[in-house]
Amino acid sequence: LGLVHRHELSGTLHGLMRVRNFTQ
């Protein structure tokens, strides 16, 4: 259960559906 980070554009962020850090 690994925490990863990706630099998503601010306009694409959407609640929990599109975030900049998430657990795969």
mmCIF file of all heavy atoms, coordinates in Angstrom:
data_MODEL
# 
_entry.id   MODEL 
# 
loop_
_atom_site.group_PDB 
_atom_site.id 
_atom_site.type_symbol 
_atom_site.label_atom_id 
_atom_site.label_alt_id 
_atom_site.label_comp_id 
_atom_site.label_asym_id 
_atom_site.label_entity_id 
_atom_site.label_seq_id 
_atom_site.pdbx_PDB_ins_code 
_atom_site.Cartn_x 
_atom_site.Cartn_y 
_atom_site.Cartn_z 
_atom_site.occupancy 
_atom_site.B_iso_or_equiv 
_atom_site.pdbx_formal_charge 
_atom_site.auth_seq_id 
_atom_site.auth_comp_id 
_atom_site.auth_asym_id 
_atom_site.auth_atom_id 
_atom_site.pdbx_PDB_model_num 
ATOM 1   N N   . LEU A 1 1  ? 0.880   -1.169 0.000   1.00 0.00 ? 1  LEU A N   1 
ATOM 2   C CA  . LEU A 1 1  ? 0.000   0.000  0.000   1.00 0.00 ? 1  LEU A CA  1 
ATOM 3   C C   . LEU A 1 1  ? 0.917   1.217  0.000   1.00 0.00 ? 1  LEU A C   1 
ATOM 4   O O   . LEU A 1 1  ? 1.267   1.761  1.048   1.00 0.00 ? 1  LEU A O   1 
ATOM 5   C CB  . LEU A 1 1  ? -0.921  -0.023 1.220   1.00 0.00 ? 1  LEU A CB  1 
ATOM 6   C CG  . LEU A 1 1  ? -1.966  -1.147 1.188   1.00 0.00 ? 1  LEU A CG  1 
ATOM 7   C CD1 . LEU A 1 1  ? -2.498  -1.433 2.579   1.00 0.00 ? 1  LEU A CD1 1 
ATOM 8   C CD2 . LEU A 1 1  ? -3.106  -0.787 0.248   1.00 0.00 ? 1  LEU A CD2 1 
ATOM 9   N N   . GLY A 1 2  ? 1.349   1.607  -1.175  1.00 0.00 ? 2  GLY A N   1 
ATOM 10  C CA  . GLY A 1 2  ? 2.422   2.591  -1.307  1.00 0.00 ? 2  GLY A CA  1 
ATOM 11  C C   . GLY A 1 2  ? 1.923   3.975  -1.655  1.00 0.00 ? 2  GLY A C   1 
ATOM 12  O O   . GLY A 1 2  ? 1.146   4.156  -2.601  1.00 0.00 ? 2  GLY A O   1 
ATOM 13  N N   . LEU A 1 3  ? 2.377   4.970  -0.897  1.00 0.00 ? 3  LEU A N   1 
ATOM 14  C CA  . LEU A 1 3  ? 2.006   6.364  -1.142  1.00 0.00 ? 3  LEU A CA  1 
ATOM 15  C C   . LEU A 1 3  ? 2.842   6.914  -2.292  1.00 0.00 ? 3  LEU A C   1 
ATOM 16  O O   . LEU A 1 3  ? 4.071   6.871  -2.254  1.00 0.00 ? 3  LEU A O   1 
ATOM 17  C CB  . LEU A 1 3  ? 2.232   7.201  0.118   1.00 0.00 ? 3  LEU A CB  1 
ATOM 18  C CG  . LEU A 1 3  ? 1.830   8.675  0.041   1.00 0.00 ? 3  LEU A CG  1 
ATOM 19  C CD1 . LEU A 1 3  ? 0.323   8.812  -0.153  1.00 0.00 ? 3  LEU A CD1 1 
ATOM 20  C CD2 . LEU A 1 3  ? 2.280   9.422  1.304   1.00 0.00 ? 3  LEU A CD2 1 
ATOM 21  N N   . VAL A 1 4  ? 2.180   7.421  -3.329  1.00 0.00 ? 4  VAL A N   1 
ATOM 22  C CA  . VAL A 1 4  ? 2.868   7.989  -4.487  1.00 0.00 ? 4  VAL A CA  1 
ATOM 23  C C   . VAL A 1 4  ? 2.401   9.429  -4.701  1.00 0.00 ? 4  VAL A C   1 
ATOM 24  O O   . VAL A 1 4  ? 1.330   9.825  -4.240  1.00 0.00 ? 4  VAL A O   1 
ATOM 25  C CB  . VAL A 1 4  ? 2.631   7.156  -5.764  1.00 0.00 ? 4  VAL A CB  1 
ATOM 26  C CG1 . VAL A 1 4  ? 3.157   5.734  -5.587  1.00 0.00 ? 4  VAL A CG1 1 
ATOM 27  C CG2 . VAL A 1 4  ? 1.160   7.122  -6.151  1.00 0.00 ? 4  VAL A CG2 1 
ATOM 28  N N   . HIS A 1 5  ? 3.231   10.186 -5.409  1.00 0.00 ? 5  HIS A N   1 
ATOM 29  C CA  . HIS A 1 5  ? 2.926   11.595 -5.670  1.00 0.00 ? 5  HIS A CA  1 
ATOM 30  C C   . HIS A 1 5  ? 3.066   11.877 -7.166  1.00 0.00 ? 5  HIS A C   1 
ATOM 31  O O   . HIS A 1 5  ? 4.022   11.432 -7.793  1.00 0.00 ? 5  HIS A O   1 
ATOM 32  C CB  . HIS A 1 5  ? 3.889   12.514 -4.905  1.00 0.00 ? 5  HIS A CB  1 
ATOM 33  C CG  . HIS A 1 5  ? 3.682   12.528 -3.433  1.00 0.00 ? 5  HIS A CG  1 
ATOM 34  N ND1 . HIS A 1 5  ? 3.987   11.446 -2.624  1.00 0.00 ? 5  HIS A ND1 1 
ATOM 35  C CD2 . HIS A 1 5  ? 3.190   13.501 -2.604  1.00 0.00 ? 5  HIS A CD2 1 
ATOM 36  C CE1 . HIS A 1 5  ? 3.708   11.743 -1.369  1.00 0.00 ? 5  HIS A CE1 1 
ATOM 37  N NE2 . HIS A 1 5  ? 3.215   12.976 -1.333  1.00 0.00 ? 5  HIS A NE2 1 
ATOM 38  N N   . ARG A 1 6  ? 2.110   12.627 -7.699  1.00 0.00 ? 6  ARG A N   1 
ATOM 39  C CA  . ARG A 1 6  ? 2.188   13.063 -9.092  1.00 0.00 ? 6  ARG A CA  1 
ATOM 40  C C   . ARG A 1 6  ? 1.708   14.505 -9.188  1.00 0.00 ? 6  ARG A C   1 
ATOM 41  O O   . ARG A 1 6  ? 0.708   14.877 -8.564  1.00 0.00 ? 6  ARG A O   1 
ATOM 42  C CB  . ARG A 1 6  ? 1.343   12.159 -10.003 1.00 0.00 ? 6  ARG A CB  1 
ATOM 43  C CG  . ARG A 1 6  ? 1.833   10.736 -10.040 1.00 0.00 ? 6  ARG A CG  1 
ATOM 44  C CD  . ARG A 1 6  ? 0.999   9.858  -10.947 1.00 0.00 ? 6  ARG A CD  1 
ATOM 45  N NE  . ARG A 1 6  ? 1.327   8.449  -10.754 1.00 0.00 ? 6  ARG A NE  1 
ATOM 46  C CZ  . ARG A 1 6  ? 0.654   7.443  -11.280 1.00 0.00 ? 6  ARG A CZ  1 
ATOM 47  N NH1 . ARG A 1 6  ? -0.403  7.703  -12.038 1.00 0.00 ? 6  ARG A NH1 1 
ATOM 48  N NH2 . ARG A 1 6  ? 1.015   6.195  -11.051 1.00 0.00 ? 6  ARG A NH2 1 
ATOM 49  N N   . HIS A 1 7  ? 2.404   15.283 -9.983  1.00 0.00 ? 7  HIS A N   1 
ATOM 50  C CA  . HIS A 1 7  ? 2.070   16.700 -10.091 1.00 0.00 ? 7  HIS A CA  1 
ATOM 51  C C   . HIS A 1 7  ? 0.957   16.898 -11.118 1.00 0.00 ? 7  HIS A C   1 
ATOM 52  O O   . HIS A 1 7  ? 1.200   17.165 -12.289 1.00 0.00 ? 7  HIS A O   1 
ATOM 53  C CB  . HIS A 1 7  ? 3.299   17.517 -10.480 1.00 0.00 ? 7  HIS A CB  1 
ATOM 54  C CG  . HIS A 1 7  ? 2.993   18.986 -10.617 1.00 0.00 ? 7  HIS A CG  1 
ATOM 55  N ND1 . HIS A 1 7  ? 2.467   19.733 -9.589  1.00 0.00 ? 7  HIS A ND1 1 
ATOM 56  C CD2 . HIS A 1 7  ? 3.110   19.831 -11.670 1.00 0.00 ? 7  HIS A CD2 1 
ATOM 57  C CE1 . HIS A 1 7  ? 2.290   20.979 -9.999  1.00 0.00 ? 7  HIS A CE1 1 
ATOM 58  N NE2 . HIS A 1 7  ? 2.668   21.055 -11.257 1.00 0.00 ? 7  HIS A NE2 1 
ATOM 59  N N   . GLU A 1 8  ? -0.270  16.759 -10.658 1.00 0.00 ? 8  GLU A N   1 
ATOM 60  C CA  . GLU A 1 8  ? -1.424  16.999 -11.518 1.00 0.00 ? 8  GLU A CA  1 
ATOM 61  C C   . GLU A 1 8  ? -1.657  18.505 -11.648 1.00 0.00 ? 8  GLU A C   1 
ATOM 62  O O   . GLU A 1 8  ? -1.435  19.267 -10.708 1.00 0.00 ? 8  GLU A O   1 
ATOM 63  C CB  . GLU A 1 8  ? -2.676  16.335 -10.923 1.00 0.00 ? 8  GLU A CB  1 
ATOM 64  C CG  . GLU A 1 8  ? -2.564  14.835 -10.709 1.00 0.00 ? 8  GLU A CG  1 
ATOM 65  C CD  . GLU A 1 8  ? -2.645  14.037 -11.997 1.00 0.00 ? 8  GLU A CD  1 
ATOM 66  O OE1 . GLU A 1 8  ? -2.860  14.658 -13.067 1.00 0.00 ? 8  GLU A OE1 1 
ATOM 67  O OE2 . GLU A 1 8  ? -2.492  12.806 -11.945 1.00 0.00 ? 8  GLU A OE2 1 
ATOM 68  N N   . LEU A 1 9  ? -2.120  18.943 -12.832 1.00 0.00 ? 9  LEU A N   1 
ATOM 69  C CA  . LEU A 1 9  ? -2.431  20.358 -13.026 1.00 0.00 ? 9  LEU A CA  1 
ATOM 70  C C   . LEU A 1 9  ? -3.574  20.758 -12.090 1.00 0.00 ? 9  LEU A C   1 
ATOM 71  O O   . LEU A 1 9  ? -4.494  19.981 -11.843 1.00 0.00 ? 9  LEU A O   1 
ATOM 72  C CB  . LEU A 1 9  ? -2.827  20.613 -14.474 1.00 0.00 ? 9  LEU A CB  1 
ATOM 73  C CG  . LEU A 1 9  ? -1.742  20.369 -15.532 1.00 0.00 ? 9  LEU A CG  1 
ATOM 74  C CD1 . LEU A 1 9  ? -2.317  20.535 -16.924 1.00 0.00 ? 9  LEU A CD1 1 
ATOM 75  C CD2 . LEU A 1 9  ? -0.572  21.317 -15.329 1.00 0.00 ? 9  LEU A CD2 1 
ATOM 76  N N   . SER A 1 10 ? -3.516  21.993 -11.602 1.00 0.00 ? 10 SER A N   1 
ATOM 77  C CA  . SER A 1 10 ? -4.503  22.439 -10.617 1.00 0.00 ? 10 SER A CA  1 
ATOM 78  C C   . SER A 1 10 ? -5.927  22.359 -11.166 1.00 0.00 ? 10 SER A C   1 
ATOM 79  O O   . SER A 1 10 ? -6.864  22.053 -10.438 1.00 0.00 ? 10 SER A O   1 
ATOM 80  C CB  . SER A 1 10 ? -4.189  23.873 -10.172 1.00 0.00 ? 10 SER A CB  1 
ATOM 81  O OG  . SER A 1 10 ? -4.181  24.750 -11.289 1.00 0.00 ? 10 SER A OG  1 
ATOM 82  N N   . GLY A 1 11 ? -6.082  22.615 -12.473 1.00 0.00 ? 11 GLY A N   1 
ATOM 83  C CA  . GLY A 1 11 ? -7.420  22.589 -13.058 1.00 0.00 ? 11 GLY A CA  1 
ATOM 84  C C   . GLY A 1 11 ? -8.020  21.201 -13.169 1.00 0.00 ? 11 GLY A C   1 
ATOM 85  O O   . GLY A 1 11 ? -9.219  21.062 -13.405 1.00 0.00 ? 11 GLY A O   1 
ATOM 86  N N   . THR A 1 12 ? -7.187  20.165 -13.017 1.00 0.00 ? 12 THR A N   1 
ATOM 87  C CA  . THR A 1 12 ? -7.694  18.792 -13.135 1.00 0.00 ? 12 THR A CA  1 
ATOM 88  C C   . THR A 1 12 ? -8.027  18.168 -11.786 1.00 0.00 ? 12 THR A C   1 
ATOM 89  O O   . THR A 1 12 ? -8.606  17.084 -11.743 1.00 0.00 ? 12 THR A O   1 
ATOM 90  C CB  . THR A 1 12 ? -6.666  17.892 -13.850 1.00 0.00 ? 12 THR A CB  1 
ATOM 91  O OG1 . THR A 1 12 ? -5.490  17.760 -13.033 1.00 0.00 ? 12 THR A OG1 1 
ATOM 92  C CG2 . THR A 1 12 ? -6.285  18.467 -15.204 1.00 0.00 ? 12 THR A CG2 1 
ATOM 93  N N   . LEU A 1 13 ? -7.648  18.829 -10.688 1.00 0.00 ? 13 LEU A N   1 
ATOM 94  C CA  . LEU A 1 13 ? -7.888  18.267 -9.360  1.00 0.00 ? 13 LEU A CA  1 
ATOM 95  C C   . LEU A 1 13 ? -9.400  18.174 -9.104  1.00 0.00 ? 13 LEU A C   1 
ATOM 96  O O   . LEU A 1 13 ? -10.157 19.084 -9.432  1.00 0.00 ? 13 LEU A O   1 
ATOM 97  C CB  . LEU A 1 13 ? -7.225  19.133 -8.295  1.00 0.00 ? 13 LEU A CB  1 
ATOM 98  C CG  . LEU A 1 13 ? -5.697  19.268 -8.398  1.00 0.00 ? 13 LEU A CG  1 
ATOM 99  C CD1 . LEU A 1 13 ? -5.177  20.245 -7.354  1.00 0.00 ? 13 LEU A CD1 1 
ATOM 100 C CD2 . LEU A 1 13 ? -5.016  17.921 -8.250  1.00 0.00 ? 13 LEU A CD2 1 
ATOM 101 N N   . HIS A 1 14 ? -9.808  17.059 -8.480  1.00 0.00 ? 14 HIS A N   1 
ATOM 102 C CA  . HIS A 1 14 ? -11.251 16.855 -8.255  1.00 0.00 ? 14 HIS A CA  1 
ATOM 103 C C   . HIS A 1 14 ? -11.447 15.971 -7.035  1.00 0.00 ? 14 HIS A C   1 
ATOM 104 O O   . HIS A 1 14 ? -11.440 14.743 -7.126  1.00 0.00 ? 14 HIS A O   1 
ATOM 105 C CB  . HIS A 1 14 ? -11.874 16.204 -9.493  1.00 0.00 ? 14 HIS A CB  1 
ATOM 106 C CG  . HIS A 1 14 ? -13.357 15.973 -9.372  1.00 0.00 ? 14 HIS A CG  1 
ATOM 107 N ND1 . HIS A 1 14 ? -14.283 16.989 -9.479  1.00 0.00 ? 14 HIS A ND1 1 
ATOM 108 C CD2 . HIS A 1 14 ? -14.075 14.851 -9.139  1.00 0.00 ? 14 HIS A CD2 1 
ATOM 109 C CE1 . HIS A 1 14 ? -15.492 16.503 -9.323  1.00 0.00 ? 14 HIS A CE1 1 
ATOM 110 N NE2 . HIS A 1 14 ? -15.396 15.199 -9.108  1.00 0.00 ? 14 HIS A NE2 1 
ATOM 111 N N   . GLY A 1 15 ? -11.631 16.593 -5.875  1.00 0.00 ? 15 GLY A N   1 
ATOM 112 C CA  . GLY A 1 15 ? -11.906 15.843 -4.654  1.00 0.00 ? 15 GLY A CA  1 
ATOM 113 C C   . GLY A 1 15 ? -10.903 14.738 -4.424  1.00 0.00 ? 15 GLY A C   1 
ATOM 114 O O   . GLY A 1 15 ? -9.693  14.952 -4.475  1.00 0.00 ? 15 GLY A O   1 
ATOM 115 N N   . LEU A 1 16 ? -11.401 13.517 -4.174  1.00 0.00 ? 16 LEU A N   1 
ATOM 116 C CA  . LEU A 1 16 ? -10.532 12.348 -4.021  1.00 0.00 ? 16 LEU A CA  1 
ATOM 117 C C   . LEU A 1 16 ? -10.292 11.648 -5.352  1.00 0.00 ? 16 LEU A C   1 
ATOM 118 O O   . LEU A 1 16 ? -9.439  10.754 -5.424  1.00 0.00 ? 16 LEU A O   1 
ATOM 119 C CB  . LEU A 1 16 ? -11.174 11.345 -3.052  1.00 0.00 ? 16 LEU A CB  1 
ATOM 120 C CG  . LEU A 1 16 ? -11.400 11.806 -1.617  1.00 0.00 ? 16 LEU A CG  1 
ATOM 121 C CD1 . LEU A 1 16 ? -12.059 10.685 -0.806  1.00 0.00 ? 16 LEU A CD1 1 
ATOM 122 C CD2 . LEU A 1 16 ? -10.096 12.227 -0.954  1.00 0.00 ? 16 LEU A CD2 1 
ATOM 123 N N   . MET A 1 17 ? -11.028 12.045 -6.389  1.00 0.00 ? 17 MET A N   1 
ATOM 124 C CA  . MET A 1 17 ? -10.923 11.353 -7.668  1.00 0.00 ? 17 MET A CA  1 
ATOM 125 C C   . MET A 1 17 ? -9.637  11.703 -8.411  1.00 0.00 ? 17 MET A C   1 
ATOM 126 O O   . MET A 1 17 ? -9.090  10.885 -9.141  1.00 0.00 ? 17 MET A O   1 
ATOM 127 C CB  . MET A 1 17 ? -12.117 11.701 -8.561  1.00 0.00 ? 17 MET A CB  1 
ATOM 128 C CG  . MET A 1 17 ? -13.465 11.385 -7.953  1.00 0.00 ? 17 MET A CG  1 
ATOM 129 S SD  . MET A 1 17 ? -13.695 9.630  -7.606  1.00 0.00 ? 17 MET A SD  1 
ATOM 130 C CE  . MET A 1 17 ? -15.463 9.560  -7.414  1.00 0.00 ? 17 MET A CE  1 
ATOM 131 N N   . ARG A 1 18 ? -9.154  12.928 -8.243  1.00 0.00 ? 18 ARG A N   1 
ATOM 132 C CA  . ARG A 1 18 ? -7.914  13.363 -8.910  1.00 0.00 ? 18 ARG A CA  1 
ATOM 133 C C   . ARG A 1 18 ? -7.130  14.175 -7.901  1.00 0.00 ? 18 ARG A C   1 
ATOM 134 O O   . ARG A 1 18 ? -7.473  15.313 -7.589  1.00 0.00 ? 18 ARG A O   1 
ATOM 135 C CB  . ARG A 1 18 ? -8.265  14.197 -10.140 1.00 0.00 ? 18 ARG A CB  1 
ATOM 136 C CG  . ARG A 1 18 ? -7.106  14.407 -11.120 1.00 0.00 ? 18 ARG A CG  1 
ATOM 137 C CD  . ARG A 1 18 ? -6.804  13.141 -11.890 1.00 0.00 ? 18 ARG A CD  1 
ATOM 138 N NE  . ARG A 1 18 ? -5.762  13.353 -12.889 1.00 0.00 ? 18 ARG A NE  1 
ATOM 139 C CZ  . ARG A 1 18 ? -6.003  13.619 -14.170 1.00 0.00 ? 18 ARG A CZ  1 
ATOM 140 N NH1 . ARG A 1 18 ? -7.253  13.740 -14.592 1.00 0.00 ? 18 ARG A NH1 1 
ATOM 141 N NH2 . ARG A 1 18 ? -5.012  13.765 -15.019 1.00 0.00 ? 18 ARG A NH2 1 
ATOM 142 N N   . VAL A 1 19 ? -6.077  13.563 -7.357  1.00 0.00 ? 19 VAL A N   1 
ATOM 143 C CA  . VAL A 1 19 ? -5.291  14.189 -6.288  1.00 0.00 ? 19 VAL A CA  1 
ATOM 144 C C   . VAL A 1 19 ? -3.818  14.144 -6.656  1.00 0.00 ? 19 VAL A C   1 
ATOM 145 O O   . VAL A 1 19 ? -3.423  13.555 -7.664  1.00 0.00 ? 19 VAL A O   1 
ATOM 146 C CB  . VAL A 1 19 ? -5.521  13.459 -4.943  1.00 0.00 ? 19 VAL A CB  1 
ATOM 147 C CG1 . VAL A 1 19 ? -6.923  13.673 -4.427  1.00 0.00 ? 19 VAL A CG1 1 
ATOM 148 C CG2 . VAL A 1 19 ? -5.235  11.968 -5.091  1.00 0.00 ? 19 VAL A CG2 1 
ATOM 149 N N   . ARG A 1 20 ? -3.009  14.770 -5.815  1.00 0.00 ? 20 ARG A N   1 
ATOM 150 C CA  . ARG A 1 20 ? -1.570  14.796 -6.090  1.00 0.00 ? 20 ARG A CA  1 
ATOM 151 C C   . ARG A 1 20 ? -0.790  13.779 -5.264  1.00 0.00 ? 20 ARG A C   1 
ATOM 152 O O   . ARG A 1 20 ? 0.376   13.535 -5.543  1.00 0.00 ? 20 ARG A O   1 
ATOM 153 C CB  . ARG A 1 20 ? -1.030  16.214 -5.844  1.00 0.00 ? 20 ARG A CB  1 
ATOM 154 C CG  . ARG A 1 20 ? -1.436  17.182 -6.943  1.00 0.00 ? 20 ARG A CG  1 
ATOM 155 C CD  . ARG A 1 20 ? -1.010  18.606 -6.653  1.00 0.00 ? 20 ARG A CD  1 
ATOM 156 N NE  . ARG A 1 20 ? -1.164  19.452 -7.833  1.00 0.00 ? 20 ARG A NE  1 
ATOM 157 C CZ  . ARG A 1 20 ? -1.349  20.759 -7.795  1.00 0.00 ? 20 ARG A CZ  1 
ATOM 158 N NH1 . ARG A 1 20 ? -1.427  21.380 -6.620  1.00 0.00 ? 20 ARG A NH1 1 
ATOM 159 N NH2 . ARG A 1 20 ? -1.465  21.451 -8.903  1.00 0.00 ? 20 ARG A NH2 1 
ATOM 160 N N   . ASN A 1 21 ? -1.410  13.255 -4.231  1.00 0.00 ? 21 ASN A N   1 
ATOM 161 C CA  . ASN A 1 21 ? -0.800  12.104 -3.556  1.00 0.00 ? 21 ASN A CA  1 
ATOM 162 C C   . ASN A 1 21 ? -1.887  11.083 -3.249  1.00 0.00 ? 21 ASN A C   1 
ATOM 163 O O   . ASN A 1 21 ? -3.001  11.439 -2.874  1.00 0.00 ? 21 ASN A O   1 
ATOM 164 C CB  . ASN A 1 21 ? -0.047  12.523 -2.284  1.00 0.00 ? 21 ASN A CB  1 
ATOM 165 C CG  . ASN A 1 21 ? -0.960  12.829 -1.129  1.00 0.00 ? 21 ASN A CG  1 
ATOM 166 O OD1 . ASN A 1 21 ? -1.997  13.464 -1.296  1.00 0.00 ? 21 ASN A OD1 1 
ATOM 167 N ND2 . ASN A 1 21 ? -0.601  12.400 0.061   1.00 0.00 ? 21 ASN A ND2 1 
ATOM 168 N N   . PHE A 1 22 ? -1.564  9.823  -3.491  1.00 0.00 ? 22 PHE A N   1 
ATOM 169 C CA  . PHE A 1 22 ? -2.558  8.774  -3.282  1.00 0.00 ? 22 PHE A CA  1 
ATOM 170 C C   . PHE A 1 22 ? -1.844  7.456  -3.001  1.00 0.00 ? 22 PHE A C   1 
ATOM 171 O O   . PHE A 1 22 ? -0.653  7.295  -3.288  1.00 0.00 ? 22 PHE A O   1 
ATOM 172 C CB  . PHE A 1 22 ? -3.498  8.644  -4.483  1.00 0.00 ? 22 PHE A CB  1 
ATOM 173 C CG  . PHE A 1 22 ? -2.817  8.410  -5.800  1.00 0.00 ? 22 PHE A CG  1 
ATOM 174 C CD1 . PHE A 1 22 ? -2.627  7.128  -6.294  1.00 0.00 ? 22 PHE A CD1 1 
ATOM 175 C CD2 . PHE A 1 22 ? -2.370  9.482  -6.560  1.00 0.00 ? 22 PHE A CD2 1 
ATOM 176 C CE1 . PHE A 1 22 ? -2.009  6.907  -7.506  1.00 0.00 ? 22 PHE A CE1 1 
ATOM 177 C CE2 . PHE A 1 22 ? -1.744  9.282  -7.785  1.00 0.00 ? 22 PHE A CE2 1 
ATOM 178 C CZ  . PHE A 1 22 ? -1.567  7.987  -8.259  1.00 0.00 ? 22 PHE A CZ  1 
ATOM 179 N N   . THR A 1 23 ? -2.598  6.548  -2.436  1.00 0.00 ? 23 THR A N   1 
ATOM 180 C CA  . THR A 1 23 ? -2.056  5.246  -2.049  1.00 0.00 ? 23 THR A CA  1 
ATOM 181 C C   . THR A 1 23 ? -2.484  4.202  -3.069  1.00 0.00 ? 23 THR A C   1 
ATOM 182 O O   . THR A 1 23 ? -3.677  3.933  -3.226  1.00 0.00 ? 23 THR A O   1 
ATOM 183 C CB  . THR A 1 23 ? -2.560  4.855  -0.648  1.00 0.00 ? 23 THR A CB  1 
ATOM 184 O OG1 . THR A 1 23 ? -2.175  5.876  0.282   1.00 0.00 ? 23 THR A OG1 1 
ATOM 185 C CG2 . THR A 1 23 ? -1.953  3.528  -0.218  1.00 0.00 ? 23 THR A CG2 1 
ATOM 186 N N   . GLN A 1 24 ? -1.511  3.645  -3.754  1.00 0.00 ? 24 GLN A N   1 
ATOM 187 C CA  . GLN A 1 24 ? -1.783  2.562  -4.699  1.00 0.00 ? 24 GLN A CA  1 
ATOM 188 C C   . GLN A 1 24 ? -1.731  1.225  -3.963  1.00 0.00 ? 24 GLN A C   1 
ATOM 189 O O   . GLN A 1 24 ? -0.771  0.974  -3.230  1.00 0.00 ? 24 GLN A O   1 
ATOM 190 C CB  . GLN A 1 24 ? -0.749  2.552  -5.828  1.00 0.00 ? 24 GLN A CB  1 
ATOM 191 C CG  . GLN A 1 24 ? -0.978  3.592  -6.908  1.00 0.00 ? 24 GLN A CG  1 
ATOM 192 C CD  . GLN A 1 24 ? -0.004  3.404  -8.058  1.00 0.00 ? 24 GLN A CD  1 
ATOM 193 O OE1 . GLN A 1 24 ? 1.165   3.121  -7.861  1.00 0.00 ? 24 GLN A OE1 1 
ATOM 194 N NE2 . GLN A 1 24 ? -0.478  3.593  -9.275  1.00 0.00 ? 24 GLN A NE2 1 
# 
